[in-house]
Amino acid sequence: MNSCEMYLVDTNILLEVILSRPRKEPCKDHLRSLQKGRRKGMTTEFTIYSIMIILESFNRTQELRTFLLSLAAYKGFIIHTLTLSELVRAVDESVHRSLTIEDAVQYAAASEAKAEAIISFDKHFDGLDIPRLEPQEAVRVRKTR
């Protein structure tokens, strides 16, 4: 893998693991590669806040605390703070590409970071100039390089 390759990890990938949903195993495999620094990934501060709101609504504050503390151990994972110009771009992209604001924020951040792909189960990212990969596809890409 080229050392500059970066992958944006969408909210649903993290939630699969945190909430022990059915597709958690391939998500965990992908996140382990970020934790160990074998690949580089990012998510947005917007994602972190979204997860905080979701877990609080499920009264899962202990899982939230554990999740937040675990982020410090990830060698290949950063949390991207969006600039005001990126947020404006997200609004423009939401209109231009018919994306929700949440998806447009992720897309704007991925574009700014020149991400190789967006790791997500969300098919709304299909057809954009940044490819969408599911976690098992991203792991496969890593193994074939």
C-alpha atoms as a PDB file:
ATOM      1  CA  MET A   1       0.000   0.000   0.000  1.00  0.00           C
ATOM      2  CA  ASN A   2       1.204   3.449  -0.841  1.00  0.00           C
ATOM      3  CA  SER A   3       1.927   5.275   2.404  1.00  0.00           C
ATOM      4  CA  CYS A   4      -0.222   8.250   1.411  1.00  0.00           C
ATOM      5  CA  GLU A   5      -3.419   6.240   0.815  1.00  0.00           C
ATOM      6  CA  MET A   6      -6.187   7.345   3.113  1.00  0.00           C
ATOM      7  CA  TYR A   7      -9.634   5.851   3.600  1.00  0.00           C
ATOM      8  CA  LEU A   8     -12.614   7.672   5.073  1.00  0.00           C
ATOM      9  CA  VAL A   9     -14.496   5.457   7.528  1.00  0.00           C
ATOM     10  CA  ASP A  10     -18.207   6.248   7.525  1.00  0.00           C
ATOM     11  CA  THR A  11     -20.325   6.353  10.674  1.00  0.00           C
ATOM     12  CA  ASN A  12     -22.111   3.079   9.928  1.00  0.00           C
ATOM     13  CA  ILE A  13     -18.852   1.101  10.022  1.00  0.00           C
ATOM     14  CA  LEU A  14     -18.088   2.233  13.553  1.00  0.00           C
ATOM     15  CA  LEU A  15     -21.674   1.719  14.698  1.00  0.00           C
ATOM     16  CA  GLU A  16     -21.698  -1.877  13.410  1.00  0.00           C
ATOM     17  CA  VAL A  17     -18.927  -2.686  15.872  1.00  0.00           C
ATOM     18  CA  ILE A  18     -20.083  -0.560  18.796  1.00  0.00           C
ATOM     19  CA  LEU A  19     -23.657  -1.874  18.623  1.00  0.00           C
ATOM     20  CA  SER A  20     -22.651  -5.486  17.778  1.00  0.00           C
ATOM     21  CA  ARG A  21     -24.691  -5.481  14.609  1.00  0.00           C
ATOM     22  CA  PRO A  22     -24.674  -8.400  12.114  1.00  0.00           C
ATOM     23  CA  ARG A  23     -21.905  -7.005   9.865  1.00  0.00           C
ATOM     24  CA  LYS A  24     -19.528  -6.204  12.729  1.00  0.00           C
ATOM     25  CA  GLU A  25     -16.828  -8.796  11.899  1.00  0.00           C
ATOM     26  CA  PRO A  26     -15.626  -7.324   8.570  1.00  0.00           C
ATOM     27  CA  CYS A  27     -15.825  -3.880  10.179  1.00  0.00           C
ATOM     28  CA  LYS A  28     -13.669  -5.058  13.076  1.00  0.00           C
ATOM     29  CA  ASP A  29     -11.118  -6.502  10.635  1.00  0.00           C
ATOM     30  CA  HIS A  30     -10.870  -3.186   8.828  1.00  0.00           C
ATOM     31  CA  LEU A  31     -10.649  -1.191  12.045  1.00  0.00           C
ATOM     32  CA  ARG A  32      -7.928  -3.516  13.374  1.00  0.00           C
ATOM     33  CA  SER A  33      -5.782  -2.656  10.361  1.00  0.00           C
ATOM     34  CA  LEU A  34      -6.173   1.031  11.285  1.00  0.00           C
ATOM     35  CA  GLN A  35      -5.509   0.375  14.943  1.00  0.00           C
ATOM     36  CA  LYS A  36      -2.266  -1.414  14.123  1.00  0.00           C
ATOM     37  CA  GLY A  37      -1.256   1.258  11.626  1.00  0.00           C
ATOM     38  CA  ARG A  38      -1.178  -1.126   8.642  1.00  0.00           C
ATOM     39  CA  ARG A  39      -3.321   1.374   6.745  1.00  0.00           C
ATOM     40  CA  LYS A  40      -4.458   4.948   7.200  1.00  0.00           C
ATOM     41  CA  GLY A  41      -7.985   5.998   7.856  1.00  0.00           C
ATOM     42  CA  MET A  42      -9.934   8.960   8.995  1.00  0.00           C
ATOM     43  CA  THR A  43     -13.351   9.864  10.151  1.00  0.00           C
ATOM     44  CA  THR A  44     -14.876  13.224  10.800  1.00  0.00           C
ATOM     45  CA  GLU A  45     -15.572  14.988  14.032  1.00  0.00           C
ATOM     46  CA  PHE A  46     -19.151  15.045  12.714  1.00  0.00           C
ATOM     47  CA  THR A  47     -19.141  11.217  12.840  1.00  0.00           C
ATOM     48  CA  ILE A  48     -17.906  11.209  16.417  1.00  0.00           C
ATOM     49  CA  TYR A  49     -20.648  13.626  17.462  1.00  0.00           C
ATOM     50  CA  SER A  50     -23.255  11.572  15.604  1.00  0.00           C
ATOM     51  CA  ILE A  51     -22.132   8.425  17.406  1.00  0.00           C
ATOM     52  CA  MET A  52     -22.269  10.268  20.717  1.00  0.00           C
ATOM     53  CA  ILE A  53     -25.867  11.322  20.058  1.00  0.00           C
ATOM     54  CA  ILE A  54     -26.921   7.858  18.882  1.00  0.00           C
ATOM     55  CA  LEU A  55     -25.355   6.025  21.825  1.00  0.00           C
ATOM     56  CA  GLU A  56     -26.788   8.507  24.293  1.00  0.00           C
ATOM     57  CA  SER A  57     -30.258   7.966  22.802  1.00  0.00           C
ATOM     58  CA  PHE A  58     -29.807   4.201  23.381  1.00  0.00           C
ATOM     59  CA  ASN A  59     -28.625   4.917  26.939  1.00  0.00           C
ATOM     60  CA  ARG A  60     -25.261   3.305  26.072  1.00  0.00           C
ATOM     61  CA  THR A  61     -22.951   5.799  27.764  1.00  0.00           C
ATOM     62  CA  GLN A  62     -20.495   3.151  28.963  1.00  0.00           C
ATOM     63  CA  GLU A  63     -20.019   1.900  25.378  1.00  0.00           C
ATOM     64  CA  LEU A  64     -19.620   5.519  24.300  1.00  0.00           C
ATOM     65  CA  ARG A  65     -16.937   6.148  26.898  1.00  0.00           C
ATOM     66  CA  THR A  66     -15.104   2.950  25.923  1.00  0.00           C
ATOM     67  CA  PHE A  67     -15.311   3.852  22.231  1.00  0.00           C
ATOM     68  CA  LEU A  68     -13.962   7.362  22.775  1.00  0.00           C
ATOM     69  CA  LEU A  69     -11.080   6.130  24.922  1.00  0.00           C
ATOM     70  CA  SER A  70     -10.215   3.431  22.370  1.00  0.00           C
ATOM     71  CA  LEU A  71      -9.646   5.999  19.632  1.00  0.00           C
ATOM     72  CA  ALA A  72      -6.358   7.062  21.236  1.00  0.00           C
ATOM     73  CA  ALA A  73      -4.904   3.590  20.556  1.00  0.00           C
ATOM     74  CA  TYR A  74      -5.397   3.778  16.791  1.00  0.00           C
ATOM     75  CA  LYS A  75      -2.031   4.315  15.119  1.00  0.00           C
ATOM     76  CA  GLY A  76      -3.435   4.777  11.614  1.00  0.00           C
ATOM     77  CA  PHE A  77      -6.623   6.692  12.312  1.00  0.00           C
ATOM     78  CA  ILE A  78      -7.297  10.397  12.594  1.00  0.00           C
ATOM     79  CA  ILE A  79     -10.352  12.473  13.352  1.00  0.00           C
ATOM     80  CA  HIS A  80     -10.752  15.214  10.794  1.00  0.00           C
ATOM     81  CA  THR A  81     -12.179  18.539  11.949  1.00  0.00           C
ATOM     82  CA  LEU A  82     -13.987  20.195   9.086  1.00  0.00           C
ATOM     83  CA  THR A  83     -13.287  23.792   8.227  1.00  0.00           C
ATOM     84  CA  LEU A  84     -16.018  26.299   7.518  1.00  0.00           C
ATOM     85  CA  SER A  85     -15.207  26.129   3.794  1.00  0.00           C
ATOM     86  CA  GLU A  86     -15.591  22.326   3.861  1.00  0.00           C
ATOM     87  CA  LEU A  87     -18.980  22.691   5.546  1.00  0.00           C
ATOM     88  CA  VAL A  88     -20.079  25.153   2.852  1.00  0.00           C
ATOM     89  CA  ARG A  89     -18.821  22.697   0.237  1.00  0.00           C
ATOM     90  CA  ALA A  90     -20.849  19.947   1.941  1.00  0.00           C
ATOM     91  CA  VAL A  91     -24.005  22.048   1.615  1.00  0.00           C
ATOM     92  CA  ASP A  92     -23.244  22.645  -2.069  1.00  0.00           C
ATOM     93  CA  GLU A  93     -22.521  18.945  -2.630  1.00  0.00           C
ATOM     94  CA  SER A  94     -25.749  17.946  -0.903  1.00  0.00           C
ATOM     95  CA  VAL A  95     -27.691  19.981  -3.452  1.00  0.00           C
ATOM     96  CA  HIS A  96     -25.520  19.206  -6.479  1.00  0.00           C
ATOM     97  CA  ARG A  97     -25.225  15.458  -5.854  1.00  0.00           C
ATOM     98  CA  SER A  98     -28.540  14.854  -4.045  1.00  0.00           C
ATOM     99  CA  LEU A  99     -26.802  13.697  -0.868  1.00  0.00           C
ATOM    100  CA  THR A 100     -28.004  14.091   2.696  1.00  0.00           C
ATOM    101  CA  ILE A 101     -26.030  16.631   4.695  1.00  0.00           C
ATOM    102  CA  GLU A 102     -24.464  13.777   6.658  1.00  0.00           C
ATOM    103  CA  ASP A 103     -23.247  12.040   3.487  1.00  0.00           C
ATOM    104  CA  ALA A 104     -22.188  15.345   1.937  1.00  0.00           C
ATOM    105  CA  VAL A 105     -20.056  16.150   4.992  1.00  0.00           C
ATOM    106  CA  GLN A 106     -18.319  12.781   4.685  1.00  0.00           C
ATOM    107  CA  TYR A 107     -17.816  13.263   0.953  1.00  0.00           C
ATOM    108  CA  ALA A 108     -16.407  16.797   1.415  1.00  0.00           C
ATOM    109  CA  ALA A 109     -13.944  15.534   4.034  1.00  0.00           C
ATOM    110  CA  ALA A 110     -12.922  12.577   1.856  1.00  0.00           C
ATOM    111  CA  SER A 111     -12.399  14.914  -1.092  1.00  0.00           C
ATOM    112  CA  GLU A 112     -10.321  17.333   0.960  1.00  0.00           C
ATOM    113  CA  ALA A 113      -8.139  14.481   2.236  1.00  0.00           C
ATOM    114  CA  LYS A 114      -7.877  12.990  -1.266  1.00  0.00           C
ATOM    115  CA  ALA A 115      -9.164   9.716   0.164  1.00  0.00           C
ATOM    116  CA  GLU A 116      -8.631   6.562  -1.848  1.00  0.00           C
ATOM    117  CA  ALA A 117     -12.132   5.343  -0.955  1.00  0.00           C
ATOM    118  CA  ILE A 118     -15.029   5.791   1.413  1.00  0.00           C
ATOM    119  CA  ILE A 119     -15.527   2.704   3.573  1.00  0.00           C
ATOM    120  CA  SER A 120     -19.273   2.423   4.035  1.00  0.00           C
ATOM    121  CA  PHE A 121     -22.356   0.291   3.634  1.00  0.00           C
ATOM    122  CA  ASP A 122     -24.221   3.393   2.421  1.00  0.00           C
ATOM    123  CA  LYS A 123     -24.956   3.028  -1.300  1.00  0.00           C
ATOM    124  CA  HIS A 124     -25.622   6.779  -1.587  1.00  0.00           C
ATOM    125  CA  PHE A 125     -21.855   7.107  -2.076  1.00  0.00           C
ATOM    126  CA  ASP A 126     -21.955   4.931  -5.213  1.00  0.00           C
ATOM    127  CA  GLY A 127     -21.304   6.815  -8.432  1.00  0.00           C
ATOM    128  CA  LEU A 128     -19.178   9.553  -6.867  1.00  0.00           C
ATOM    129  CA  ASP A 129     -15.624  10.233  -7.988  1.00  0.00           C
ATOM    130  CA  ILE A 130     -14.375   8.614  -4.758  1.00  0.00           C
ATOM    131  CA  PRO A 131     -15.247   4.923  -4.783  1.00  0.00           C
ATOM    132  CA  ARG A 132     -17.208   3.317  -1.973  1.00  0.00           C
ATOM    133  CA  LEU A 133     -15.859   0.071  -0.585  1.00  0.00           C
ATOM    134  CA  GLU A 134     -17.388  -2.181   2.013  1.00  0.00           C
ATOM    135  CA  PRO A 135     -14.959  -3.195   4.773  1.00  0.00           C
ATOM    136  CA  GLN A 136     -14.381  -6.699   3.408  1.00  0.00           C
ATOM    137  CA  GLU A 137     -13.511  -5.199   0.002  1.00  0.00           C
ATOM    138  CA  ALA A 138     -11.041  -2.801   1.596  1.00  0.00           C
ATOM    139  CA  VAL A 139      -9.359  -5.661   3.440  1.00  0.00           C
ATOM    140  CA  ARG A 140      -9.177  -7.617   0.158  1.00  0.00           C
ATOM    141  CA  VAL A 141      -7.608  -4.622  -1.644  1.00  0.00           C
ATOM    142  CA  ARG A 142      -4.954  -4.482   1.068  1.00  0.00           C
ATOM    143  CA  LYS A 143      -4.145  -8.195   0.725  1.00  0.00           C
ATOM    144  CA  THR A 144      -3.762  -8.037  -3.066  1.00  0.00           C
ATOM    145  CA  ARG A 145      -1.260  -5.168  -3.036  1.00  0.00           C
END
